[in-house]
Amino acid sequence: MDVIGNDSRRNYIKHAIDAGNCIITKEDNSISGFLTYDTNFFDCTFLSLIIVSPVKRRRGHASSLISYMLRHSPTQKIFSSTNESNESMQKVFKANGFIRSGIIENLDEGNPELIFHAKKLRA
């Protein structure tokens, strides 16, 4: 809960953990962040949550999680999204080889959701 600040996504995260679709990153023997994914997005991997503890951001944890998925994704195509206002996450996607692939209006009023895409790296 420290990482996400509230328990609004608790059931979703628990389901991802139970399904084996949650990857964690650790620093100093404590969880620094996590990534959840599924393959329900047109039979492609979708990185649905990438969350890093606020006190451990800008240390490469998000990139480490994404890098793992780029190598171990169950599908060849990988998608994710972030709000237009989340410039730091857009930079993380770009730094990890993702390209912008689309936009969804009207999820958050006045703050469109940007879709990003990358291909699985060869092992």
N, C-alpha and C. Protein backbone atom coordinates (compact mmCIF):
# COMPACT_ATOMS: atom_id res chain seq x y z
N MET A 1 0.82 -1.18 0.00
CA MET A 1 0.00 0.00 0.00
C MET A 1 0.87 1.25 0.00
N ASP A 2 2.04 1.17 0.60
CA ASP A 2 2.97 2.30 0.60
C ASP A 2 3.27 2.75 -0.83
N VAL A 3 3.36 1.80 -1.72
CA VAL A 3 3.73 2.12 -3.10
C VAL A 3 2.60 2.82 -3.85
N ILE A 4 1.36 2.36 -3.68
CA ILE A 4 0.27 2.94 -4.47
C ILE A 4 -0.51 4.01 -3.72
N GLY A 5 -0.31 4.14 -2.41
CA GLY A 5 -0.92 5.22 -1.67
C GLY A 5 -2.35 4.96 -1.20
N ASN A 6 -3.03 3.99 -1.77
CA ASN A 6 -4.38 3.62 -1.31
C ASN A 6 -4.65 2.18 -1.75
N ASP A 7 -5.78 1.67 -1.34
CA ASP A 7 -6.05 0.26 -1.65
C ASP A 7 -7.09 0.08 -2.76
N SER A 8 -7.26 1.10 -3.60
CA SER A 8 -8.28 1.04 -4.66
C SER A 8 -8.03 -0.08 -5.67
N ARG A 9 -6.80 -0.50 -5.82
CA ARG A 9 -6.47 -1.54 -6.80
C ARG A 9 -6.10 -2.86 -6.14
N ARG A 10 -6.37 -2.98 -4.87
CA ARG A 10 -5.96 -4.16 -4.10
C ARG A 10 -6.42 -5.47 -4.75
N ASN A 11 -7.69 -5.58 -5.11
CA ASN A 11 -8.21 -6.83 -5.69
C ASN A 11 -7.56 -7.13 -7.04
N TYR A 12 -7.37 -6.10 -7.86
CA TYR A 12 -6.72 -6.31 -9.16
C TYR A 12 -5.29 -6.82 -8.96
N ILE A 13 -4.56 -6.18 -8.06
CA ILE A 13 -3.16 -6.57 -7.81
C ILE A 13 -3.09 -7.98 -7.24
N LYS A 14 -3.98 -8.30 -6.31
CA LYS A 14 -4.02 -9.66 -5.74
C LYS A 14 -4.28 -10.69 -6.84
N HIS A 15 -5.21 -10.40 -7.72
CA HIS A 15 -5.50 -11.31 -8.84
C HIS A 15 -4.27 -11.48 -9.73
N ALA A 16 -3.55 -10.38 -10.02
CA ALA A 16 -2.34 -10.46 -10.85
C ALA A 16 -1.27 -11.32 -10.17
N ILE A 17 -1.12 -11.15 -8.87
CA ILE A 17 -0.14 -11.95 -8.12
C ILE A 17 -0.54 -13.43 -8.18
N ASP A 18 -1.81 -13.71 -7.89
CA ASP A 18 -2.29 -15.10 -7.91
C ASP A 18 -2.12 -15.75 -9.28
N ALA A 19 -2.26 -14.96 -10.35
CA ALA A 19 -2.14 -15.47 -11.72
C ALA A 19 -0.68 -15.54 -12.18
N GLY A 20 0.25 -15.06 -11.37
CA GLY A 20 1.66 -15.04 -11.77
C GLY A 20 1.98 -13.92 -12.73
N ASN A 21 1.16 -12.87 -12.74
CA ASN A 21 1.34 -11.75 -13.67
C ASN A 21 1.77 -10.48 -12.96
N CYS A 22 2.60 -10.63 -11.95
CA CYS A 22 3.12 -9.47 -11.22
C CYS A 22 4.62 -9.67 -11.04
N ILE A 23 5.39 -8.69 -11.46
CA ILE A 23 6.85 -8.72 -11.36
C ILE A 23 7.24 -7.64 -10.36
N ILE A 24 8.20 -7.94 -9.48
CA ILE A 24 8.63 -6.93 -8.51
C ILE A 24 10.09 -6.57 -8.73
N THR A 25 10.46 -5.42 -8.21
CA THR A 25 11.86 -5.02 -8.15
C THR A 25 12.15 -4.66 -6.69
N LYS A 26 13.35 -5.01 -6.25
CA LYS A 26 13.71 -4.79 -4.84
C LYS A 26 14.96 -3.94 -4.75
N GLU A 27 15.04 -3.24 -3.63
CA GLU A 27 16.24 -2.49 -3.28
C GLU A 27 16.39 -2.61 -1.77
N ASP A 28 17.58 -2.95 -1.31
CA ASP A 28 17.83 -3.11 0.13
C ASP A 28 16.82 -4.07 0.77
N ASN A 29 16.56 -5.19 0.12
CA ASN A 29 15.67 -6.24 0.62
C ASN A 29 14.23 -5.79 0.85
N SER A 30 13.82 -4.70 0.21
CA SER A 30 12.41 -4.32 0.29
C SER A 30 11.90 -4.04 -1.13
N ILE A 31 10.62 -4.28 -1.33
CA ILE A 31 10.03 -4.07 -2.65
C ILE A 31 10.03 -2.59 -2.97
N SER A 32 10.60 -2.26 -4.12
CA SER A 32 10.67 -0.87 -4.57
C SER A 32 9.54 -0.54 -5.53
N GLY A 33 9.10 -1.55 -6.26
CA GLY A 33 8.04 -1.32 -7.24
C GLY A 33 7.58 -2.63 -7.83
N PHE A 34 6.55 -2.52 -8.67
CA PHE A 34 6.02 -3.72 -9.30
C PHE A 34 5.38 -3.37 -10.63
N LEU A 35 5.20 -4.40 -11.42
CA LEU A 35 4.56 -4.30 -12.73
C LEU A 35 3.53 -5.42 -12.81
N THR A 36 2.33 -5.10 -13.26
CA THR A 36 1.34 -6.14 -13.53
C THR A 36 1.03 -6.13 -15.02
N TYR A 37 0.69 -7.31 -15.52
CA TYR A 37 0.39 -7.42 -16.95
C TYR A 37 -0.67 -8.48 -17.17
N ASP A 38 -1.24 -8.45 -18.36
CA ASP A 38 -2.13 -9.52 -18.79
C ASP A 38 -2.01 -9.65 -20.30
N THR A 39 -2.71 -10.62 -20.85
CA THR A 39 -2.66 -10.83 -22.31
C THR A 39 -4.07 -10.75 -22.90
N ASN A 40 -4.90 -9.95 -22.30
CA ASN A 40 -6.29 -9.80 -22.75
C ASN A 40 -6.47 -8.66 -23.75
N PHE A 41 -5.42 -7.93 -24.05
CA PHE A 41 -5.50 -6.80 -24.98
C PHE A 41 -5.21 -7.32 -26.39
N PHE A 42 -6.25 -7.77 -27.08
CA PHE A 42 -6.12 -8.31 -28.44
C PHE A 42 -5.06 -9.40 -28.52
N ASP A 43 -5.00 -10.25 -27.48
CA ASP A 43 -4.03 -11.34 -27.38
C ASP A 43 -2.59 -10.85 -27.36
N CYS A 44 -2.38 -9.63 -26.90
CA CYS A 44 -1.04 -9.06 -26.75
C CYS A 44 -0.80 -8.78 -25.26
N THR A 45 0.46 -8.73 -24.87
CA THR A 45 0.78 -8.36 -23.50
C THR A 45 0.47 -6.89 -23.29
N PHE A 46 -0.21 -6.58 -22.20
CA PHE A 46 -0.47 -5.20 -21.83
C PHE A 46 0.06 -4.99 -20.42
N LEU A 47 1.02 -4.07 -20.30
CA LEU A 47 1.58 -3.72 -18.99
C LEU A 47 0.59 -2.76 -18.34
N SER A 48 -0.20 -3.27 -17.42
CA SER A 48 -1.32 -2.48 -16.91
C SER A 48 -0.95 -1.55 -15.77
N LEU A 49 -0.06 -1.97 -14.90
CA LEU A 49 0.42 -1.10 -13.83
C LEU A 49 1.93 -1.18 -13.76
N ILE A 50 2.57 -0.04 -13.68
CA ILE A 50 4.00 0.04 -13.40
C ILE A 50 4.10 1.09 -12.30
N ILE A 51 4.33 0.61 -11.08
CA ILE A 51 4.31 1.52 -9.93
C ILE A 51 5.59 1.34 -9.13
N VAL A 52 6.25 2.47 -8.85
CA VAL A 52 7.47 2.48 -8.04
C VAL A 52 7.22 3.38 -6.84
N SER A 53 7.69 2.95 -5.69
CA SER A 53 7.56 3.74 -4.47
C SER A 53 8.09 5.16 -4.71
N PRO A 54 7.36 6.18 -4.28
CA PRO A 54 7.80 7.56 -4.52
C PRO A 54 9.22 7.85 -4.03
N VAL A 55 9.64 7.24 -2.92
CA VAL A 55 10.98 7.51 -2.39
C VAL A 55 12.07 6.75 -3.15
N LYS A 56 11.68 5.85 -4.07
CA LYS A 56 12.67 5.07 -4.81
C LYS A 56 12.62 5.32 -6.31
N ARG A 57 11.95 6.38 -6.70
CA ARG A 57 11.85 6.70 -8.13
C ARG A 57 13.16 7.30 -8.63
N ARG A 58 13.30 7.27 -9.96
CA ARG A 58 14.47 7.79 -10.66
C ARG A 58 15.75 7.03 -10.32
N ARG A 59 15.58 5.74 -10.04
CA ARG A 59 16.72 4.85 -9.78
C ARG A 59 16.74 3.68 -10.75
N GLY A 60 15.91 3.75 -11.79
CA GLY A 60 15.91 2.70 -12.80
C GLY A 60 14.98 1.53 -12.54
N HIS A 61 14.17 1.61 -11.50
CA HIS A 61 13.29 0.48 -11.18
C HIS A 61 12.24 0.24 -12.26
N ALA A 62 11.60 1.29 -12.75
CA ALA A 62 10.58 1.12 -13.81
C ALA A 62 11.23 0.53 -15.06
N SER A 63 12.39 1.04 -15.43
CA SER A 63 13.09 0.51 -16.61
C SER A 63 13.50 -0.95 -16.41
N SER A 64 13.89 -1.31 -15.20
CA SER A 64 14.25 -2.69 -14.91
C SER A 64 13.05 -3.62 -15.10
N LEU A 65 11.89 -3.21 -14.62
CA LEU A 65 10.67 -4.00 -14.77
C LEU A 65 10.29 -4.13 -16.24
N ILE A 66 10.35 -3.03 -16.97
CA ILE A 66 10.00 -3.04 -18.39
C ILE A 66 10.99 -3.90 -19.17
N SER A 67 12.27 -3.76 -18.87
CA SER A 67 13.31 -4.54 -19.54
C SER A 67 13.06 -6.04 -19.36
N TYR A 68 12.68 -6.43 -18.16
CA TYR A 68 12.37 -7.84 -17.91
C TYR A 68 11.24 -8.30 -18.82
N MET A 69 10.18 -7.50 -18.90
CA MET A 69 9.04 -7.88 -19.73
C MET A 69 9.38 -7.88 -21.21
N LEU A 70 10.26 -7.01 -21.65
CA LEU A 70 10.66 -7.00 -23.06
C LEU A 70 11.37 -8.30 -23.43
N ARG A 71 12.00 -8.94 -22.46
CA ARG A 71 12.69 -10.20 -22.70
C ARG A 71 11.82 -11.43 -22.42
N HIS A 72 10.86 -11.30 -21.52
CA HIS A 72 10.10 -12.47 -21.06
C HIS A 72 8.61 -12.39 -21.33
N SER A 73 8.18 -11.46 -22.12
CA SER A 73 6.75 -11.33 -22.43
C SER A 73 6.21 -12.63 -23.03
N PRO A 74 4.99 -13.02 -22.64
CA PRO A 74 4.40 -14.21 -23.25
C PRO A 74 3.94 -13.99 -24.69
N THR A 75 3.94 -12.75 -25.16
CA THR A 75 3.55 -12.46 -26.54
C THR A 75 4.62 -11.59 -27.20
N GLN A 76 4.60 -11.53 -28.52
CA GLN A 76 5.58 -10.75 -29.27
C GLN A 76 5.32 -9.25 -29.19
N LYS A 77 4.06 -8.87 -29.12
CA LYS A 77 3.71 -7.45 -29.06
C LYS A 77 3.38 -7.07 -27.62
N ILE A 78 3.93 -5.92 -27.21
CA ILE A 78 3.74 -5.44 -25.84
C ILE A 78 3.20 -4.01 -25.91
N PHE A 79 2.13 -3.78 -25.17
CA PHE A 79 1.51 -2.46 -25.11
C PHE A 79 1.45 -1.97 -23.67
N SER A 80 1.37 -0.67 -23.50
CA SER A 80 1.11 -0.06 -22.21
C SER A 80 0.54 1.32 -22.46
N SER A 81 0.22 2.02 -21.39
CA SER A 81 -0.34 3.36 -21.56
C SER A 81 -0.03 4.22 -20.35
N THR A 82 -0.17 5.52 -20.55
CA THR A 82 -0.05 6.50 -19.47
C THR A 82 -0.82 7.74 -19.87
N ASN A 83 -1.15 8.54 -18.89
CA ASN A 83 -1.83 9.79 -19.19
C ASN A 83 -0.90 10.76 -19.91
N GLU A 84 -1.48 11.61 -20.72
CA GLU A 84 -0.71 12.64 -21.43
C GLU A 84 0.07 13.52 -20.45
N SER A 85 -0.47 13.72 -19.27
CA SER A 85 0.19 14.58 -18.27
C SER A 85 1.39 13.90 -17.61
N ASN A 86 1.54 12.59 -17.74
CA ASN A 86 2.62 11.85 -17.08
C ASN A 86 3.85 11.82 -17.98
N GLU A 87 4.52 12.96 -18.05
CA GLU A 87 5.68 13.08 -18.95
C GLU A 87 6.83 12.18 -18.54
N SER A 88 7.02 11.95 -17.22
CA SER A 88 8.13 11.09 -16.83
C SER A 88 7.93 9.65 -17.29
N MET A 89 6.70 9.15 -17.25
CA MET A 89 6.45 7.78 -17.73
C MET A 89 6.61 7.71 -19.24
N GLN A 90 6.22 8.76 -19.94
CA GLN A 90 6.42 8.78 -21.39
C GLN A 90 7.91 8.69 -21.71
N LYS A 91 8.75 9.36 -20.93
CA LYS A 91 10.21 9.29 -21.13
C LYS A 91 10.74 7.89 -20.85
N VAL A 92 10.18 7.24 -19.83
CA VAL A 92 10.59 5.86 -19.51
C VAL A 92 10.25 4.94 -20.67
N PHE A 93 9.04 5.07 -21.21
CA PHE A 93 8.67 4.25 -22.36
C PHE A 93 9.62 4.48 -23.53
N LYS A 94 9.88 5.74 -23.85
CA LYS A 94 10.76 6.07 -24.97
C LYS A 94 12.16 5.50 -24.74
N ALA A 95 12.68 5.65 -23.53
CA ALA A 95 14.02 5.15 -23.20
C ALA A 95 14.10 3.63 -23.33
N ASN A 96 12.97 2.95 -23.22
CA ASN A 96 12.93 1.49 -23.31
C ASN A 96 12.45 0.99 -24.66
N GLY A 97 12.45 1.87 -25.66
CA GLY A 97 12.17 1.45 -27.03
C GLY A 97 10.70 1.40 -27.42
N PHE A 98 9.82 1.91 -26.58
CA PHE A 98 8.40 1.96 -26.93
C PHE A 98 8.13 3.14 -27.84
N ILE A 99 7.18 2.97 -28.74
CA ILE A 99 6.75 4.08 -29.59
C ILE A 99 5.26 4.33 -29.34
N ARG A 100 4.88 5.57 -29.53
CA ARG A 100 3.47 5.91 -29.36
C ARG A 100 2.64 5.23 -30.42
N SER A 101 1.51 4.67 -30.01
CA SER A 101 0.72 3.85 -30.92
C SER A 101 -0.74 4.27 -31.00
N GLY A 102 -1.16 5.20 -30.16
CA GLY A 102 -2.55 5.63 -30.21
C GLY A 102 -2.92 6.48 -29.02
N ILE A 103 -4.18 6.86 -28.98
CA ILE A 103 -4.69 7.73 -27.92
C ILE A 103 -6.14 7.35 -27.62
N ILE A 104 -6.49 7.41 -26.36
CA ILE A 104 -7.88 7.18 -25.94
C ILE A 104 -8.35 8.43 -25.21
N GLU A 105 -9.39 9.02 -25.74
CA GLU A 105 -9.98 10.21 -25.12
C GLU A 105 -11.05 9.79 -24.12
N ASN A 106 -11.34 10.67 -23.18
CA ASN A 106 -12.49 10.59 -22.28
C ASN A 106 -12.40 9.57 -21.15
N LEU A 107 -11.23 8.99 -20.89
CA LEU A 107 -11.09 8.18 -19.69
C LEU A 107 -10.96 9.10 -18.48
N ASP A 108 -9.97 9.97 -18.53
CA ASP A 108 -9.81 11.04 -17.54
C ASP A 108 -10.06 12.34 -18.27
N GLU A 109 -11.08 13.06 -17.87
CA GLU A 109 -11.48 14.30 -18.54
C GLU A 109 -10.29 15.23 -18.71
N GLY A 110 -10.01 15.62 -19.95
CA GLY A 110 -8.95 16.57 -20.23
C GLY A 110 -7.54 16.02 -20.12
N ASN A 111 -7.39 14.71 -19.96
CA ASN A 111 -6.07 14.10 -19.81
C ASN A 111 -6.06 12.76 -20.55
N PRO A 112 -5.92 12.80 -21.88
CA PRO A 112 -6.02 11.58 -22.69
C PRO A 112 -5.01 10.51 -22.28
N GLU A 113 -5.38 9.27 -22.52
CA GLU A 113 -4.51 8.12 -22.28
C GLU A 113 -3.72 7.86 -23.56
N LEU A 114 -2.40 7.85 -23.46
CA LEU A 114 -1.53 7.58 -24.61
C LEU A 114 -1.14 6.11 -24.58
N ILE A 115 -1.26 5.45 -25.72
CA ILE A 115 -0.92 4.03 -25.85
C ILE A 115 0.49 3.92 -26.45
N PHE A 116 1.29 3.02 -25.90
CA PHE A 116 2.65 2.79 -26.38
C PHE A 116 2.82 1.32 -26.74
N HIS A 117 3.75 1.06 -27.66
CA HIS A 117 3.96 -0.29 -28.18
C HIS A 117 5.45 -0.59 -28.32
N ALA A 118 5.82 -1.83 -28.05
CA ALA A 118 7.18 -2.33 -28.30
C ALA A 118 7.06 -3.79 -28.69
N LYS A 119 8.12 -4.31 -29.28
CA LYS A 119 8.17 -5.73 -29.62
C LYS A 119 9.09 -6.45 -28.65
N LYS A 120 8.75 -7.70 -28.38
CA LYS A 120 9.56 -8.53 -27.51
C LYS A 120 10.97 -8.65 -28.08
N LEU A 121 11.96 -8.56 -27.20
CA LEU A 121 13.34 -8.72 -27.62
C LEU A 121 13.66 -10.20 -27.75
N ARG A 122 14.55 -10.51 -28.65
CA ARG A 122 14.96 -11.92 -28.80
C ARG A 122 15.79 -12.33 -27.60
N ALA A 123 15.60 -13.56 -27.19
CA ALA A 123 16.32 -14.08 -26.01
C ALA A 123 17.77 -14.33 -26.32
